[in-house]
Amino acid sequence: MGRELHRRAAETQRAGRVRVHGGVSDEEYLTALKVLQRMIVNAGGDLPRGA
């Protein structure tokens, strides 16, 4: 049962990423993430290491 649950969870995650990332190039996605991270820091928030 654990392997099947893991497989279904991975498929759900992949499908969600495809839906959200649709029409957005990898370059645009990366740019958006960097801008959002900068805004978080500007607002006094912390980012996890490596982010």
N, C-alpha and C. Protein backbone atom coordinates (compact mmCIF):
# COMPACT_ATOMS: atom_id res chain seq x y z
N MET A 1 0.83 -1.20 0.00
CA MET A 1 0.00 0.00 0.00
C MET A 1 0.87 1.26 0.00
N GLY A 2 1.99 1.27 0.69
CA GLY A 2 2.84 2.45 0.76
C GLY A 2 3.38 2.87 -0.59
N ARG A 3 3.79 1.88 -1.38
CA ARG A 3 4.32 2.20 -2.71
C ARG A 3 3.24 2.78 -3.61
N GLU A 4 2.06 2.24 -3.54
CA GLU A 4 0.95 2.74 -4.36
C GLU A 4 0.59 4.16 -3.93
N LEU A 5 0.56 4.42 -2.66
CA LEU A 5 0.27 5.77 -2.16
C LEU A 5 1.35 6.75 -2.63
N HIS A 6 2.59 6.33 -2.56
CA HIS A 6 3.70 7.18 -3.01
C HIS A 6 3.58 7.46 -4.52
N ARG A 7 3.25 6.45 -5.29
CA ARG A 7 3.08 6.62 -6.74
C ARG A 7 1.96 7.60 -7.04
N ARG A 8 0.83 7.46 -6.35
CA ARG A 8 -0.30 8.37 -6.58
C ARG A 8 0.03 9.80 -6.17
N ALA A 9 0.75 9.95 -5.05
CA ALA A 9 1.14 11.29 -4.59
C ALA A 9 2.08 11.94 -5.61
N ALA A 10 3.02 11.16 -6.14
CA ALA A 10 3.96 11.70 -7.13
C ALA A 10 3.22 12.11 -8.39
N GLU A 11 2.27 11.33 -8.82
CA GLU A 11 1.49 11.65 -10.02
C GLU A 11 0.65 12.92 -9.79
N THR A 12 0.07 13.06 -8.63
CA THR A 12 -0.71 14.25 -8.30
C THR A 12 0.18 15.49 -8.34
N GLN A 13 1.39 15.37 -7.78
CA GLN A 13 2.33 16.49 -7.79
C GLN A 13 2.73 16.85 -9.22
N ARG A 14 3.02 15.86 -10.04
CA ARG A 14 3.41 16.13 -11.44
C ARG A 14 2.27 16.82 -12.19
N ALA A 15 1.07 16.34 -12.01
CA ALA A 15 -0.08 16.93 -12.70
C ALA A 15 -0.28 18.39 -12.27
N GLY A 16 -0.13 18.66 -10.98
CA GLY A 16 -0.28 20.03 -10.49
C GLY A 16 0.78 20.95 -11.05
N ARG A 17 2.01 20.46 -11.13
CA ARG A 17 3.10 21.27 -11.67
C ARG A 17 2.85 21.58 -13.15
N VAL A 18 2.39 20.60 -13.90
CA VAL A 18 2.10 20.82 -15.32
C VAL A 18 1.01 21.88 -15.47
N ARG A 19 -0.02 21.80 -14.64
CA ARG A 19 -1.13 22.75 -14.72
C ARG A 19 -0.67 24.17 -14.36
N VAL A 20 0.09 24.31 -13.29
CA VAL A 20 0.52 25.62 -12.83
C VAL A 20 1.60 26.21 -13.74
N HIS A 21 2.47 25.37 -14.25
CA HIS A 21 3.62 25.80 -15.05
C HIS A 21 3.25 25.99 -16.52
N GLY A 22 2.03 25.64 -16.91
CA GLY A 22 1.60 25.71 -18.30
C GLY A 22 1.74 27.10 -18.89
N GLY A 23 2.38 27.18 -20.05
CA GLY A 23 2.53 28.45 -20.73
C GLY A 23 3.61 29.35 -20.16
N VAL A 24 4.33 28.86 -19.16
CA VAL A 24 5.39 29.65 -18.54
C VAL A 24 6.71 28.93 -18.82
N SER A 25 7.63 29.64 -19.47
CA SER A 25 8.92 29.02 -19.78
C SER A 25 9.71 28.82 -18.48
N ASP A 26 10.70 27.95 -18.55
CA ASP A 26 11.56 27.74 -17.38
C ASP A 26 12.25 29.04 -16.98
N GLU A 27 12.65 29.84 -17.97
CA GLU A 27 13.30 31.12 -17.68
C GLU A 27 12.35 32.07 -16.95
N GLU A 28 11.11 32.17 -17.41
CA GLU A 28 10.12 33.03 -16.75
C GLU A 28 9.84 32.55 -15.33
N TYR A 29 9.74 31.24 -15.17
CA TYR A 29 9.47 30.64 -13.86
C TYR A 29 10.59 31.00 -12.88
N LEU A 30 11.83 30.84 -13.32
CA LEU A 30 12.98 31.16 -12.47
C LEU A 30 13.01 32.64 -12.12
N THR A 31 12.74 33.50 -13.09
CA THR A 31 12.70 34.94 -12.83
C THR A 31 11.64 35.28 -11.80
N ALA A 32 10.46 34.69 -11.94
CA ALA A 32 9.37 34.95 -10.99
C ALA A 32 9.77 34.51 -9.58
N LEU A 33 10.38 33.34 -9.46
CA LEU A 33 10.80 32.88 -8.14
C LEU A 33 11.81 33.81 -7.51
N LYS A 34 12.77 34.27 -8.30
CA LYS A 34 13.79 35.18 -7.77
C LYS A 34 13.17 36.50 -7.30
N VAL A 35 12.23 37.02 -8.07
CA VAL A 35 11.56 38.27 -7.68
C VAL A 35 10.76 38.06 -6.40
N LEU A 36 10.03 36.97 -6.30
CA LEU A 36 9.25 36.70 -5.09
C LEU A 36 10.16 36.53 -3.87
N GLN A 37 11.29 35.86 -4.05
CA GLN A 37 12.24 35.70 -2.94
C GLN A 37 12.77 37.06 -2.49
N ARG A 38 13.09 37.92 -3.44
CA ARG A 38 13.59 39.26 -3.10
C ARG A 38 12.52 40.04 -2.33
N MET A 39 11.27 39.92 -2.76
CA MET A 39 10.17 40.62 -2.08
C MET A 39 9.99 40.11 -0.65
N ILE A 40 10.15 38.81 -0.45
CA ILE A 40 10.04 38.24 0.89
C ILE A 40 11.11 38.83 1.80
N VAL A 41 12.35 38.88 1.29
CA VAL A 41 13.46 39.44 2.08
C VAL A 41 13.21 40.93 2.34
N ASN A 42 12.76 41.66 1.33
CA ASN A 42 12.48 43.09 1.49
C ASN A 42 11.42 43.34 2.55
N ALA A 43 10.51 42.40 2.71
CA ALA A 43 9.44 42.55 3.69
C ALA A 43 9.86 42.04 5.07
N GLY A 44 11.12 41.62 5.18
CA GLY A 44 11.63 41.18 6.49
C GLY A 44 11.54 39.69 6.71
N GLY A 45 11.17 38.96 5.69
CA GLY A 45 11.06 37.51 5.83
C GLY A 45 12.39 36.82 5.66
N ASP A 46 12.40 35.56 5.99
CA ASP A 46 13.59 34.74 5.85
C ASP A 46 13.34 33.70 4.77
N LEU A 47 14.42 33.34 4.09
CA LEU A 47 14.35 32.27 3.10
C LEU A 47 15.13 31.08 3.61
N PRO A 48 14.69 29.89 3.30
CA PRO A 48 15.48 28.71 3.69
C PRO A 48 16.83 28.75 2.99
N ARG A 49 17.83 28.17 3.59
CA ARG A 49 19.16 28.10 2.97
C ARG A 49 19.06 27.41 1.63
N GLY A 50 19.78 27.92 0.67
CA GLY A 50 19.78 27.34 -0.66
C GLY A 50 18.68 27.84 -1.55
N ALA A 51 17.81 28.68 -1.02
CA ALA A 51 16.70 29.19 -1.83
C ALA A 51 17.13 30.40 -2.62
